[in-house]
Amino acid sequence: MDEQSKIDEFRSIVRKAYESDKESFDLDLIELMEKDDWAIRRYLERRKTVAAGAEMLINTLKFRNKYNISQMSDVNFPAEYFKMGLVFDCTKDKQGNDLMYMRHRFYRKFKDLDLIWRQFLIYQMDRIDKKSNRKGMAIIVDLNNISMDNTDLDYARWGMKTFGDCCPISINYVLLYNLPRVMITVWNMVKSLLPKDLAHLMKFCNGDEIFDYVDRKNLPKYLGGDCQLNHYQVPADCLPLEEFGHQKDWSQKHIDKILKTWKPYLEKAENEMKLLQQ
């Protein structure tokens, strides 16, 4: 069977599944699949067979619908996520990949924020994937000064599987930067949970080795670069956590607990932003 025949069969399988259960599928990705063969080819390359690739895309369509990704915008997330620069895109690496940065030391698990955080991560990843025309991106995870307080094995496994399923082929590598020695055992546990076809994407570097991947002029200042882009900018109409939480009927006590945890992270981000003006 030639490639176009495989694509046509693949599209037919997904279309049939969609027609039988439209409410469970992400419409934006369905529309992309109908007009762009690459939306299919990337799943074929990942799973090798038409049946397996179609099943993977069907699951991804349902996953995206579950998390309401196509309906998300910046205003669906608390302003502090942006103020801290938790996840953002910034320039390209030396290979021309669009870059997604994650600051893992600022991550802390809160039950009420768990779904919102996961939506934010997928939303940012999807936005950068679209920006690259779904052809090439990389992820740089800053692990400076992380501790067990920042560790969540369930989230780590979920995150890597999500990257692989939602952006098959597009992610060229995930760079883990400055992993503390004391956290190597934790990393080995995470790695053991990853599918083999995702584990090979992981790379490690420390200190100035990061310049082997990203030019100094394109690297954020907090990582030792000279990039002047402001990745702490809060989009218009994003609500601060206090207002955001009140809209969701969270107690003031719970909101205060989250803000207390975030306070040192917000202060650090604010100090870093001031350096951009120097």
C-alpha atoms as a PDB file:
ATOM      1  CA  MET A   1       0.000   0.000   0.000  1.00  0.00           C
ATOM      2  CA  ASP A   2       1.442   3.404  -0.979  1.00  0.00           C
ATOM      3  CA  GLU A   3       1.582   6.295   1.461  1.00  0.00           C
ATOM      4  CA  GLN A   4      -1.457   8.155   0.104  1.00  0.00           C
ATOM      5  CA  SER A   5      -3.566   5.008   0.339  1.00  0.00           C
ATOM      6  CA  LYS A   6      -2.492   4.610   3.966  1.00  0.00           C
ATOM      7  CA  ILE A   7      -3.428   8.236   4.670  1.00  0.00           C
ATOM      8  CA  ASP A   8      -6.831   7.798   3.028  1.00  0.00           C
ATOM      9  CA  GLU A   9      -7.537   4.629   5.018  1.00  0.00           C
ATOM     10  CA  PHE A  10      -6.339   6.306   8.214  1.00  0.00           C
ATOM     11  CA  ARG A  11      -8.608   9.295   7.610  1.00  0.00           C
ATOM     12  CA  SER A  12     -11.554   7.008   6.934  1.00  0.00           C
ATOM     13  CA  ILE A  13     -11.080   5.122  10.223  1.00  0.00           C
ATOM     14  CA  VAL A  14     -10.890   8.335  12.272  1.00  0.00           C
ATOM     15  CA  ARG A  15     -13.792   9.917  10.418  1.00  0.00           C
ATOM     16  CA  LYS A  16     -15.976   6.863  11.117  1.00  0.00           C
ATOM     17  CA  ALA A  17     -15.123   6.997  14.835  1.00  0.00           C
ATOM     18  CA  TYR A  18     -15.898  10.715  14.921  1.00  0.00           C
ATOM     19  CA  GLU A  19     -19.261  10.310  13.173  1.00  0.00           C
ATOM     20  CA  SER A  20     -20.336   7.744  15.771  1.00  0.00           C
ATOM     21  CA  ASP A  21     -19.440   9.919  18.786  1.00  0.00           C
ATOM     22  CA  LYS A  22     -18.985  13.557  17.768  1.00  0.00           C
ATOM     23  CA  GLU A  23     -19.375  15.007  21.246  1.00  0.00           C
ATOM     24  CA  SER A  24     -16.263  13.195  22.489  1.00  0.00           C
ATOM     25  CA  PHE A  25     -13.912  14.558  19.816  1.00  0.00           C
ATOM     26  CA  ASP A  26     -11.880  17.744  19.481  1.00  0.00           C
ATOM     27  CA  LEU A  27     -13.343  19.483  16.431  1.00  0.00           C
ATOM     28  CA  ASP A  28     -10.309  21.676  15.642  1.00  0.00           C
ATOM     29  CA  LEU A  29      -8.003  18.701  15.202  1.00  0.00           C
ATOM     30  CA  ILE A  30     -10.650  16.829  13.198  1.00  0.00           C
ATOM     31  CA  GLU A  31     -10.828  19.777  10.797  1.00  0.00           C
ATOM     32  CA  LEU A  32      -7.032  19.882  10.549  1.00  0.00           C
ATOM     33  CA  MET A  33      -6.917  16.158   9.797  1.00  0.00           C
ATOM     34  CA  GLU A  34      -9.414  16.609   6.951  1.00  0.00           C
ATOM     35  CA  LYS A  35      -7.299  19.213   5.151  1.00  0.00           C
ATOM     36  CA  ASP A  36      -3.699  18.454   6.129  1.00  0.00           C
ATOM     37  CA  ASP A  37      -2.059  15.075   5.476  1.00  0.00           C
ATOM     38  CA  TRP A  38       0.737  15.921   7.916  1.00  0.00           C
ATOM     39  CA  ALA A  39      -1.769  15.743  10.788  1.00  0.00           C
ATOM     40  CA  ILE A  40      -2.110  12.069   9.850  1.00  0.00           C
ATOM     41  CA  ARG A  41       1.432  11.352   8.726  1.00  0.00           C
ATOM     42  CA  ARG A  42       2.904  12.288  12.099  1.00  0.00           C
ATOM     43  CA  TYR A  43       0.774   9.618  13.810  1.00  0.00           C
ATOM     44  CA  LEU A  44       1.630   7.076  11.134  1.00  0.00           C
ATOM     45  CA  GLU A  45       5.327   7.720  11.686  1.00  0.00           C
ATOM     46  CA  ARG A  46       4.929   7.347  15.432  1.00  0.00           C
ATOM     47  CA  ARG A  47       2.900   4.123  15.388  1.00  0.00           C
ATOM     48  CA  LYS A  48       4.061   2.651  12.016  1.00  0.00           C
ATOM     49  CA  THR A  49       0.720   1.027  11.079  1.00  0.00           C
ATOM     50  CA  VAL A  50      -2.571   2.563   9.957  1.00  0.00           C
ATOM     51  CA  ALA A  51      -4.626   0.859  12.666  1.00  0.00           C
ATOM     52  CA  ALA A  52      -2.277   1.774  15.529  1.00  0.00           C
ATOM     53  CA  GLY A  53      -1.782   5.335  14.289  1.00  0.00           C
ATOM     54  CA  ALA A  54      -5.522   5.895  13.853  1.00  0.00           C
ATOM     55  CA  GLU A  55      -6.198   4.552  17.336  1.00  0.00           C
ATOM     56  CA  MET A  56      -3.583   6.919  18.754  1.00  0.00           C
ATOM     57  CA  LEU A  57      -5.110   9.942  16.998  1.00  0.00           C
ATOM     58  CA  ILE A  58      -8.625   8.950  18.096  1.00  0.00           C
ATOM     59  CA  ASN A  59      -7.420   8.779  21.706  1.00  0.00           C
ATOM     60  CA  THR A  60      -5.695  12.153  21.309  1.00  0.00           C
ATOM     61  CA  LEU A  61      -8.861  13.714  19.887  1.00  0.00           C
ATOM     62  CA  LYS A  62     -10.814  12.491  22.904  1.00  0.00           C
ATOM     63  CA  PHE A  63      -8.041  13.603  25.275  1.00  0.00           C
ATOM     64  CA  ARG A  64      -8.012  17.122  23.822  1.00  0.00           C
ATOM     65  CA  ASN A  65     -11.779  17.292  24.089  1.00  0.00           C
ATOM     66  CA  LYS A  66     -11.671  16.121  27.719  1.00  0.00           C
ATOM     67  CA  TYR A  67      -9.302  18.951  28.599  1.00  0.00           C
ATOM     68  CA  ASN A  68     -11.203  21.420  26.396  1.00  0.00           C
ATOM     69  CA  ILE A  69      -7.955  22.513  24.732  1.00  0.00           C
ATOM     70  CA  SER A  70      -9.394  24.051  21.572  1.00  0.00           C
ATOM     71  CA  GLN A  71     -11.592  26.334  23.672  1.00  0.00           C
ATOM     72  CA  MET A  72      -8.783  27.508  25.953  1.00  0.00           C
ATOM     73  CA  SER A  73      -7.241  30.978  25.874  1.00  0.00           C
ATOM     74  CA  ASP A  74      -4.851  32.894  28.139  1.00  0.00           C
ATOM     75  CA  VAL A  75      -7.727  34.197  30.274  1.00  0.00           C
ATOM     76  CA  ASN A  76      -8.554  30.667  31.448  1.00  0.00           C
ATOM     77  CA  PHE A  77      -5.487  30.678  33.688  1.00  0.00           C
ATOM     78  CA  PRO A  78      -4.442  32.704  36.749  1.00  0.00           C
ATOM     79  CA  ALA A  79      -2.198  35.685  36.076  1.00  0.00           C
ATOM     80  CA  GLU A  80       0.471  34.275  38.390  1.00  0.00           C
ATOM     81  CA  TYR A  81       1.214  31.439  35.958  1.00  0.00           C
ATOM     82  CA  PHE A  82       2.418  34.052  33.499  1.00  0.00           C
ATOM     83  CA  LYS A  83       4.074  36.287  36.121  1.00  0.00           C
ATOM     84  CA  MET A  84       6.249  33.377  37.239  1.00  0.00           C
ATOM     85  CA  GLY A  85       7.084  32.364  33.675  1.00  0.00           C
ATOM     86  CA  LEU A  86       6.079  28.801  34.503  1.00  0.00           C
ATOM     87  CA  VAL A  87       5.789  27.720  30.870  1.00  0.00           C
ATOM     88  CA  PHE A  88       6.527  29.937  27.881  1.00  0.00           C
ATOM     89  CA  ASP A  89       8.023  30.028  24.397  1.00  0.00           C
ATOM     90  CA  CYS A  90      11.090  32.067  23.582  1.00  0.00           C
ATOM     91  CA  THR A  91      13.016  32.208  20.275  1.00  0.00           C
ATOM     92  CA  LYS A  92      14.598  29.097  18.691  1.00  0.00           C
ATOM     93  CA  ASP A  93      17.481  26.744  19.328  1.00  0.00           C
ATOM     94  CA  LYS A  94      20.518  26.297  17.076  1.00  0.00           C
ATOM     95  CA  GLN A  95      18.670  23.706  14.987  1.00  0.00           C
ATOM     96  CA  GLY A  96      15.739  26.041  14.324  1.00  0.00           C
ATOM     97  CA  ASN A  97      13.325  24.331  16.722  1.00  0.00           C
ATOM     98  CA  ASP A  98      10.777  26.506  18.480  1.00  0.00           C
ATOM     99  CA  LEU A  99      11.458  26.290  22.193  1.00  0.00           C
ATOM    100  CA  MET A 100       9.150  25.693  25.119  1.00  0.00           C
ATOM    101  CA  TYR A 101      10.631  26.498  28.538  1.00  0.00           C
ATOM    102  CA  MET A 102       9.416  25.023  31.821  1.00  0.00           C
ATOM    103  CA  ARG A 103      10.485  26.130  35.297  1.00  0.00           C
ATOM    104  CA  HIS A 104       9.990  23.037  37.387  1.00  0.00           C
ATOM    105  CA  ARG A 105      11.165  24.611  40.635  1.00  0.00           C
ATOM    106  CA  PHE A 106       8.044  26.804  40.592  1.00  0.00           C
ATOM    107  CA  TYR A 107       5.722  23.808  40.330  1.00  0.00           C
ATOM    108  CA  ARG A 108       3.813  22.774  43.454  1.00  0.00           C
ATOM    109  CA  LYS A 109       0.869  20.437  43.439  1.00  0.00           C
ATOM    110  CA  PHE A 110      -2.489  21.727  44.659  1.00  0.00           C
ATOM    111  CA  LYS A 111      -5.574  19.590  44.233  1.00  0.00           C
ATOM    112  CA  ASP A 112      -7.833  22.414  43.043  1.00  0.00           C
ATOM    113  CA  LEU A 113      -5.217  23.589  40.547  1.00  0.00           C
ATOM    114  CA  ASP A 114      -4.255  20.178  39.195  1.00  0.00           C
ATOM    115  CA  LEU A 115      -6.668  20.188  36.231  1.00  0.00           C
ATOM    116  CA  ILE A 116      -5.972  23.867  35.517  1.00  0.00           C
ATOM    117  CA  TRP A 117      -2.209  23.285  35.568  1.00  0.00           C
ATOM    118  CA  ARG A 118      -2.497  20.339  33.187  1.00  0.00           C
ATOM    119  CA  GLN A 119      -4.703  22.366  30.853  1.00  0.00           C
ATOM    120  CA  PHE A 120      -2.143  25.176  30.960  1.00  0.00           C
ATOM    121  CA  LEU A 121       0.689  22.833  30.062  1.00  0.00           C
ATOM    122  CA  ILE A 122      -1.206  21.296  27.131  1.00  0.00           C
ATOM    123  CA  TYR A 123      -2.417  24.722  26.009  1.00  0.00           C
ATOM    124  CA  GLN A 124       1.117  26.145  25.889  1.00  0.00           C
ATOM    125  CA  MET A 125       2.510  23.025  24.229  1.00  0.00           C
ATOM    126  CA  ASP A 126      -0.235  23.083  21.582  1.00  0.00           C
ATOM    127  CA  ARG A 127       0.293  26.788  20.927  1.00  0.00           C
ATOM    128  CA  ILE A 128       4.024  26.296  20.336  1.00  0.00           C
ATOM    129  CA  ASP A 129       3.358  23.208  18.224  1.00  0.00           C
ATOM    130  CA  LYS A 130       1.067  25.311  16.004  1.00  0.00           C
ATOM    131  CA  LYS A 131       3.645  28.106  15.884  1.00  0.00           C
ATOM    132  CA  SER A 132       6.196  25.641  14.483  1.00  0.00           C
ATOM    133  CA  ASN A 133       3.637  24.437  11.917  1.00  0.00           C
ATOM    134  CA  ARG A 134       3.771  21.147  13.842  1.00  0.00           C
ATOM    135  CA  LYS A 135       7.170  20.419  12.271  1.00  0.00           C
ATOM    136  CA  GLY A 136       9.712  20.880  15.052  1.00  0.00           C
ATOM    137  CA  MET A 137       9.943  21.988  18.667  1.00  0.00           C
ATOM    138  CA  ALA A 138      12.039  21.249  21.727  1.00  0.00           C
ATOM    139  CA  ILE A 139      11.434  21.556  25.454  1.00  0.00           C
ATOM    140  CA  ILE A 140      13.925  22.908  27.985  1.00  0.00           C
ATOM    141  CA  VAL A 141      13.112  22.006  31.588  1.00  0.00           C
ATOM    142  CA  ASP A 142      14.942  24.092  34.185  1.00  0.00           C
ATOM    143  CA  LEU A 143      15.643  21.823  37.163  1.00  0.00           C
ATOM    144  CA  ASN A 144      17.812  24.248  39.137  1.00  0.00           C
ATOM    145  CA  ASN A 145      17.265  23.880  42.886  1.00  0.00           C
ATOM    146  CA  ILE A 146      14.329  21.489  42.656  1.00  0.00           C
ATOM    147  CA  SER A 147      13.504  19.333  45.656  1.00  0.00           C
ATOM    148  CA  MET A 148      10.985  16.681  46.657  1.00  0.00           C
ATOM    149  CA  ASP A 149       8.453  19.501  47.147  1.00  0.00           C
ATOM    150  CA  ASN A 150       8.481  19.990  43.364  1.00  0.00           C
ATOM    151  CA  THR A 151       8.292  16.283  42.581  1.00  0.00           C
ATOM    152  CA  ASP A 152       5.150  14.555  41.360  1.00  0.00           C
ATOM    153  CA  LEU A 153       5.752  11.201  39.637  1.00  0.00           C
ATOM    154  CA  ASP A 154       2.176  10.933  38.381  1.00  0.00           C
ATOM    155  CA  TYR A 155       2.360  14.358  36.774  1.00  0.00           C
ATOM    156  CA  ALA A 156       5.812  13.644  35.276  1.00  0.00           C
ATOM    157  CA  ARG A 157       4.609  10.442  33.637  1.00  0.00           C
ATOM    158  CA  TRP A 158       1.402  12.098  32.458  1.00  0.00           C
ATOM    159  CA  GLY A 159       3.340  15.062  31.058  1.00  0.00           C
ATOM    160  CA  MET A 160       5.741  13.000  28.965  1.00  0.00           C
ATOM    161  CA  LYS A 161       2.965  10.780  27.615  1.00  0.00           C
ATOM    162  CA  THR A 162       0.933  13.885  26.759  1.00  0.00           C
ATOM    163  CA  PHE A 163       3.862  15.443  24.884  1.00  0.00           C
ATOM    164  CA  GLY A 164       4.372  12.266  22.895  1.00  0.00           C
ATOM    165  CA  ASP A 165       0.700  11.684  22.093  1.00  0.00           C
ATOM    166  CA  CYS A 166      -0.317  15.245  21.281  1.00  0.00           C
ATOM    167  CA  CYS A 167       2.834  16.225  19.375  1.00  0.00           C
ATOM    168  CA  PRO A 168       4.108  12.980  17.816  1.00  0.00           C
ATOM    169  CA  ILE A 169       7.320  13.405  15.828  1.00  0.00           C
ATOM    170  CA  SER A 170       7.271  17.198  16.423  1.00  0.00           C
ATOM    171  CA  ILE A 171       9.237  17.110  19.685  1.00  0.00           C
ATOM    172  CA  ASN A 172      12.879  16.612  18.763  1.00  0.00           C
ATOM    173  CA  TYR A 173      14.240  16.532  22.301  1.00  0.00           C
ATOM    174  CA  VAL A 174      13.524  17.387  25.932  1.00  0.00           C
ATOM    175  CA  LEU A 175      16.524  18.997  27.620  1.00  0.00           C
ATOM    176  CA  LEU A 176      16.759  18.496  31.385  1.00  0.00           C
ATOM    177  CA  TYR A 177      18.957  21.305  32.645  1.00  0.00           C
ATOM    178  CA  ASN A 178      20.953  21.167  35.886  1.00  0.00           C
ATOM    179  CA  LEU A 179      19.338  18.127  37.487  1.00  0.00           C
ATOM    180  CA  PRO A 180      20.579  18.087  41.129  1.00  0.00           C
ATOM    181  CA  ARG A 181      22.535  14.966  42.065  1.00  0.00           C
ATOM    182  CA  VAL A 182      20.166  14.257  44.945  1.00  0.00           C
ATOM    183  CA  MET A 183      17.289  13.957  42.450  1.00  0.00           C
ATOM    184  CA  ILE A 184      18.934  11.394  40.156  1.00  0.00           C
ATOM    185  CA  THR A 185      17.166   8.521  41.930  1.00  0.00           C
ATOM    186  CA  VAL A 186      13.830  10.238  41.370  1.00  0.00           C
ATOM    187  CA  TRP A 187      14.668  10.729  37.692  1.00  0.00           C
ATOM    188  CA  ASN A 188      15.475   7.029  37.336  1.00  0.00           C
ATOM    189  CA  MET A 189      12.021   6.252  38.718  1.00  0.00           C
ATOM    190  CA  VAL A 190      10.411   8.644  36.224  1.00  0.00           C
ATOM    191  CA  LYS A 191      12.425   7.209  33.335  1.00  0.00           C
ATOM    192  CA  SER A 192      11.304   3.682  34.182  1.00  0.00           C
ATOM    193  CA  LEU A 193       7.707   4.816  33.685  1.00  0.00           C
ATOM    194  CA  LEU A 194       8.280   6.310  30.237  1.00  0.00           C
ATOM    195  CA  PRO A 195       7.590   4.486  26.971  1.00  0.00           C
ATOM    196  CA  LYS A 196      10.870   3.605  25.246  1.00  0.00           C
ATOM    197  CA  ASP A 197      10.027   5.740  22.226  1.00  0.00           C
ATOM    198  CA  LEU A 198       9.837   8.793  24.502  1.00  0.00           C
ATOM    199  CA  ALA A 199      12.747   8.041  26.825  1.00  0.00           C
ATOM    200  CA  HIS A 200      15.235   8.450  23.956  1.00  0.00           C
ATOM    201  CA  LEU A 201      14.152  12.101  23.558  1.00  0.00           C
ATOM    202  CA  MET A 202      15.554  13.010  26.973  1.00  0.00           C
ATOM    203  CA  LYS A 203      18.887  14.819  27.115  1.00  0.00           C
ATOM    204  CA  PHE A 204      20.846  16.211  30.054  1.00  0.00           C
ATOM    205  CA  CYS A 205      23.141  19.198  30.325  1.00  0.00           C
ATOM    206  CA  ASN A 206      24.663  21.359  33.054  1.00  0.00           C
ATOM    207  CA  GLY A 207      26.028  24.886  33.226  1.00  0.00           C
ATOM    208  CA  ASP A 208      27.413  26.314  29.997  1.00  0.00           C
ATOM    209  CA  GLU A 209      26.624  23.100  28.113  1.00  0.00           C
ATOM    210  CA  ILE A 210      23.254  24.665  27.418  1.00  0.00           C
ATOM    211  CA  PHE A 211      24.959  26.939  24.863  1.00  0.00           C
ATOM    212  CA  ASP A 212      25.566  23.847  22.741  1.00  0.00           C
ATOM    213  CA  TYR A 213      21.800  23.925  22.156  1.00  0.00           C
ATOM    214  CA  VAL A 214      20.827  27.610  22.316  1.00  0.00           C
ATOM    215  CA  ASP A 215      22.807  30.713  21.373  1.00  0.00           C
ATOM    216  CA  ARG A 216      23.479  33.010  24.310  1.00  0.00           C
ATOM    217  CA  LYS A 217      21.553  35.861  22.654  1.00  0.00           C
ATOM    218  CA  ASN A 218      18.446  33.656  22.471  1.00  0.00           C
ATOM    219  CA  LEU A 219      18.583  32.158  25.967  1.00  0.00           C
ATOM    220  CA  PRO A 220      16.550  33.717  28.826  1.00  0.00           C
ATOM    221  CA  LYS A 221      18.593  35.675  31.327  1.00  0.00           C
ATOM    222  CA  TYR A 222      17.666  33.476  34.286  1.00  0.00           C
ATOM    223  CA  LEU A 223      19.465  30.633  32.475  1.00  0.00           C
ATOM    224  CA  GLY A 224      22.568  32.731  31.837  1.00  0.00           C
ATOM    225  CA  GLY A 225      21.630  34.101  28.424  1.00  0.00           C
ATOM    226  CA  ASP A 226      21.194  37.602  27.055  1.00  0.00           C
ATOM    227  CA  CYS A 227      17.661  37.411  25.656  1.00  0.00           C
ATOM    228  CA  GLN A 228      15.698  40.585  26.409  1.00  0.00           C
ATOM    229  CA  LEU A 229      12.238  39.193  25.638  1.00  0.00           C
ATOM    230  CA  ASN A 230       9.828  39.587  28.541  1.00  0.00           C
ATOM    231  CA  HIS A 231       8.383  36.151  29.244  1.00  0.00           C
ATOM    232  CA  TYR A 232       6.791  37.371  32.497  1.00  0.00           C
ATOM    233  CA  GLN A 233       4.205  39.456  30.640  1.00  0.00           C
ATOM    234  CA  VAL A 234       0.641  38.868  31.855  1.00  0.00           C
ATOM    235  CA  PRO A 235      -1.894  38.750  28.996  1.00  0.00           C
ATOM    236  CA  ALA A 236      -4.785  41.192  29.103  1.00  0.00           C
ATOM    237  CA  ASP A 237      -7.827  40.184  31.175  1.00  0.00           C
ATOM    238  CA  CYS A 238      -6.078  37.375  33.083  1.00  0.00           C
ATOM    239  CA  LEU A 239      -7.326  37.395  36.671  1.00  0.00           C
ATOM    240  CA  PRO A 240      -5.009  37.235  39.683  1.00  0.00           C
ATOM    241  CA  LEU A 241      -5.419  34.041  41.687  1.00  0.00           C
ATOM    242  CA  GLU A 242      -7.562  35.672  44.370  1.00  0.00           C
ATOM    243  CA  GLU A 243     -10.240  36.711  41.876  1.00  0.00           C
ATOM    244  CA  PHE A 244      -9.740  33.542  39.844  1.00  0.00           C
ATOM    245  CA  GLY A 245     -10.288  31.406  42.946  1.00  0.00           C
ATOM    246  CA  HIS A 246     -13.335  33.329  44.102  1.00  0.00           C
ATOM    247  CA  GLN A 247     -14.971  32.722  40.729  1.00  0.00           C
ATOM    248  CA  LYS A 248     -14.493  28.997  41.369  1.00  0.00           C
ATOM    249  CA  ASP A 249     -15.846  29.263  44.924  1.00  0.00           C
ATOM    250  CA  TRP A 250     -12.541  28.439  46.574  1.00  0.00           C
ATOM    251  CA  SER A 251     -12.213  29.429  50.218  1.00  0.00           C
ATOM    252  CA  GLN A 252     -10.076  32.428  51.084  1.00  0.00           C
ATOM    253  CA  LYS A 253      -8.007  30.171  53.334  1.00  0.00           C
ATOM    254  CA  HIS A 254      -7.144  27.915  50.421  1.00  0.00           C
ATOM    255  CA  ILE A 255      -6.325  30.855  48.159  1.00  0.00           C
ATOM    256  CA  ASP A 256      -4.051  32.332  50.822  1.00  0.00           C
ATOM    257  CA  LYS A 257      -2.259  28.992  51.197  1.00  0.00           C
ATOM    258  CA  ILE A 258      -1.465  28.867  47.485  1.00  0.00           C
ATOM    259  CA  LEU A 259      -0.341  32.496  47.391  1.00  0.00           C
ATOM    260  CA  LYS A 260       1.917  31.939  50.408  1.00  0.00           C
ATOM    261  CA  THR A 261       3.582  29.031  48.607  1.00  0.00           C
ATOM    262  CA  TRP A 262       3.962  31.071  45.430  1.00  0.00           C
ATOM    263  CA  LYS A 263       5.251  34.229  47.135  1.00  0.00           C
ATOM    264  CA  PRO A 264       9.012  33.459  46.901  1.00  0.00           C
ATOM    265  CA  TYR A 265       8.594  32.312  43.287  1.00  0.00           C
ATOM    266  CA  LEU A 266       6.750  35.493  42.346  1.00  0.00           C
ATOM    267  CA  GLU A 267       9.388  37.613  44.080  1.00  0.00           C
ATOM    268  CA  LYS A 268      12.183  35.822  42.235  1.00  0.00           C
ATOM    269  CA  ALA A 269      10.407  36.260  38.905  1.00  0.00           C
ATOM    270  CA  GLU A 270       9.844  39.948  39.634  1.00  0.00           C
ATOM    271  CA  ASN A 271      13.537  40.448  40.376  1.00  0.00           C
ATOM    272  CA  GLU A 272      14.457  38.635  37.168  1.00  0.00           C
ATOM    273  CA  MET A 273      12.095  40.850  35.182  1.00  0.00           C
ATOM    274  CA  LYS A 274      13.832  43.945  36.567  1.00  0.00           C
ATOM    275  CA  LEU A 275      17.111  42.677  35.126  1.00  0.00           C
ATOM    276  CA  LEU A 276      15.566  42.892  31.644  1.00  0.00           C
ATOM    277  CA  GLN A 277      15.373  46.646  32.082  1.00  0.00           C
ATOM    278  CA  GLN A 278      19.087  47.018  32.887  1.00  0.00           C
END
